[in-house]
Amino acid sequence: MTMHSVKITSDGRIQIPAQLRREMNLRAGETLNLELHDGTLSVRRPSKTLERIRARLAPYLAPDADLQGDLKAMRIEDAQRDAGRG
């Protein structure tokens, strides 16, 4: 693992060094997730964050569970219920 030092600008921005951008295949305008845990800031692609969440939930879900589909269905039901109240 290589250590890179960066500075924070006055408006709170940091620049990811070109070598890291190449290694992570990052492109301009891409969205990244930041996570602070025990004083360590982690930078991840949303897809990697989703993989971590799925791995944490795996012991509690059936192997064929469609978590994304279930969550989408729940959101639709909530929206329909809320629309019925208005």
C-alpha atoms as a PDB file:
ATOM      1  CA  MET A   1       0.000   0.000   0.000  1.00  0.00           C
ATOM      2  CA  THR A   2       1.333   3.412  -0.980  1.00  0.00           C
ATOM      3  CA  MET A   3       0.730   6.464   1.191  1.00  0.00           C
ATOM      4  CA  HIS A   4      -0.297   9.697  -0.535  1.00  0.00           C
ATOM      5  CA  SER A   5      -0.455  13.112   1.133  1.00  0.00           C
ATOM      6  CA  VAL A   6      -2.982  15.699   0.010  1.00  0.00           C
ATOM      7  CA  LYS A   7      -3.938  19.147   1.269  1.00  0.00           C
ATOM      8  CA  ILE A   8      -7.417  20.407   1.974  1.00  0.00           C
ATOM      9  CA  THR A   9      -8.253  23.677   0.238  1.00  0.00           C
ATOM     10  CA  SER A  10      -9.960  26.541   2.046  1.00  0.00           C
ATOM     11  CA  ASP A  11     -13.313  25.381   0.648  1.00  0.00           C
ATOM     12  CA  GLY A  12     -12.794  21.809   1.929  1.00  0.00           C
ATOM     13  CA  ARG A  13     -11.757  20.125  -1.311  1.00  0.00           C
ATOM     14  CA  ILE A  14      -9.072  17.508  -1.704  1.00  0.00           C
ATOM     15  CA  GLN A  15      -7.499  16.325  -4.930  1.00  0.00           C
ATOM     16  CA  ILE A  16      -7.052  12.601  -5.473  1.00  0.00           C
ATOM     17  CA  PRO A  17      -3.584  11.996  -6.928  1.00  0.00           C
ATOM     18  CA  ALA A  18      -3.487  10.868 -10.582  1.00  0.00           C
ATOM     19  CA  GLN A  19      -1.894   7.520  -9.682  1.00  0.00           C
ATOM     20  CA  LEU A  20      -4.800   6.659  -7.364  1.00  0.00           C
ATOM     21  CA  ARG A  21      -7.360   7.832  -9.924  1.00  0.00           C
ATOM     22  CA  ARG A  22      -5.762   5.533 -12.508  1.00  0.00           C
ATOM     23  CA  GLU A  23      -5.569   2.589 -10.098  1.00  0.00           C
ATOM     24  CA  MET A  24      -9.234   3.023  -9.149  1.00  0.00           C
ATOM     25  CA  ASN A  25     -10.228   3.866 -12.739  1.00  0.00           C
ATOM     26  CA  LEU A  26     -11.929   7.066 -11.547  1.00  0.00           C
ATOM     27  CA  ARG A  27     -13.334   9.563 -14.022  1.00  0.00           C
ATOM     28  CA  ALA A  28     -14.266  13.235 -13.657  1.00  0.00           C
ATOM     29  CA  GLY A  29     -17.796  13.704 -12.326  1.00  0.00           C
ATOM     30  CA  GLU A  30     -17.963  10.248 -10.751  1.00  0.00           C
ATOM     31  CA  THR A  31     -19.735   9.951  -7.389  1.00  0.00           C
ATOM     32  CA  LEU A  32     -17.831   8.495  -4.446  1.00  0.00           C
ATOM     33  CA  ASN A  33     -18.941   7.573  -0.932  1.00  0.00           C
ATOM     34  CA  LEU A  34     -16.985   8.817   2.083  1.00  0.00           C
ATOM     35  CA  GLU A  35     -17.140   6.997   5.404  1.00  0.00           C
ATOM     36  CA  LEU A  36     -15.581   8.076   8.690  1.00  0.00           C
ATOM     37  CA  HIS A  37     -14.868   5.272  11.143  1.00  0.00           C
ATOM     38  CA  ASP A  38     -12.616   5.565  14.195  1.00  0.00           C
ATOM     39  CA  GLY A  39     -10.862   8.599  12.745  1.00  0.00           C
ATOM     40  CA  THR A  40     -10.201   6.953   9.366  1.00  0.00           C
ATOM     41  CA  LEU A  41     -11.758   8.396   6.223  1.00  0.00           C
ATOM     42  CA  SER A  42     -12.518   5.798   3.556  1.00  0.00           C
ATOM     43  CA  VAL A  43     -13.342   6.618  -0.047  1.00  0.00           C
ATOM     44  CA  ARG A  44     -15.368   4.058  -2.008  1.00  0.00           C
ATOM     45  CA  ARG A  45     -17.360   3.720  -5.154  1.00  0.00           C
ATOM     46  CA  PRO A  46     -21.089   3.300  -4.468  1.00  0.00           C
ATOM     47  CA  SER A  47     -20.855  -0.227  -5.931  1.00  0.00           C
ATOM     48  CA  LYS A  48     -18.198  -1.160  -3.334  1.00  0.00           C
ATOM     49  CA  THR A  49     -20.348   0.312  -0.558  1.00  0.00           C
ATOM     50  CA  LEU A  50     -23.254  -1.812  -1.790  1.00  0.00           C
ATOM     51  CA  GLU A  51     -21.034  -4.915  -1.786  1.00  0.00           C
ATOM     52  CA  ARG A  52     -20.091  -4.234   1.851  1.00  0.00           C
ATOM     53  CA  ILE A  53     -23.744  -3.799   2.843  1.00  0.00           C
ATOM     54  CA  ARG A  54     -24.738  -7.006   1.062  1.00  0.00           C
ATOM     55  CA  ALA A  55     -21.903  -8.897   2.774  1.00  0.00           C
ATOM     56  CA  ARG A  56     -23.044  -7.640   6.194  1.00  0.00           C
ATOM     57  CA  LEU A  57     -26.662  -8.602   5.520  1.00  0.00           C
ATOM     58  CA  ALA A  58     -25.898 -11.972   3.894  1.00  0.00           C
ATOM     59  CA  PRO A  59     -26.093 -14.001   7.135  1.00  0.00           C
ATOM     60  CA  TYR A  60     -29.649 -12.722   7.689  1.00  0.00           C
ATOM     61  CA  LEU A  61     -31.046 -13.198   4.175  1.00  0.00           C
ATOM     62  CA  ALA A  62     -32.082 -16.221   2.189  1.00  0.00           C
ATOM     63  CA  PRO A  63     -29.630 -16.969  -0.659  1.00  0.00           C
ATOM     64  CA  ASP A  64     -32.276 -16.144  -3.307  1.00  0.00           C
ATOM     65  CA  ALA A  65     -33.526 -12.982  -1.569  1.00  0.00           C
ATOM     66  CA  ASP A  66     -34.130  -9.973  -3.832  1.00  0.00           C
ATOM     67  CA  LEU A  67     -33.387  -7.238  -1.330  1.00  0.00           C
ATOM     68  CA  GLN A  68     -33.389  -4.496  -3.942  1.00  0.00           C
ATOM     69  CA  GLY A  69     -36.750  -5.649  -5.310  1.00  0.00           C
ATOM     70  CA  ASP A  70     -38.210  -5.916  -1.804  1.00  0.00           C
ATOM     71  CA  LEU A  71     -37.043  -2.401  -0.896  1.00  0.00           C
ATOM     72  CA  LYS A  72     -38.438  -0.992  -4.142  1.00  0.00           C
ATOM     73  CA  ALA A  73     -41.808  -2.658  -3.469  1.00  0.00           C
ATOM     74  CA  MET A  74     -41.837  -1.203   0.048  1.00  0.00           C
ATOM     75  CA  ARG A  75     -41.158   2.291  -1.302  1.00  0.00           C
ATOM     76  CA  ILE A  76     -43.995   1.939  -3.826  1.00  0.00           C
ATOM     77  CA  GLU A  77     -46.387   0.772  -1.087  1.00  0.00           C
ATOM     78  CA  ASP A  78     -45.358   3.712   1.128  1.00  0.00           C
ATOM     79  CA  ALA A  79     -45.866   6.187  -1.729  1.00  0.00           C
ATOM     80  CA  GLN A  80     -49.310   4.763  -2.521  1.00  0.00           C
ATOM     81  CA  ARG A  81     -50.313   4.895   1.141  1.00  0.00           C
ATOM     82  CA  ASP A  82     -49.087   8.492   1.434  1.00  0.00           C
ATOM     83  CA  ALA A  83     -50.951   9.461  -1.753  1.00  0.00           C
ATOM     84  CA  GLY A  84     -54.146   8.004  -0.296  1.00  0.00           C
ATOM     85  CA  ARG A  85     -53.846  10.275   2.742  1.00  0.00           C
ATOM     86  CA  GLY A  86     -53.653  13.486   0.725  1.00  0.00           C
END
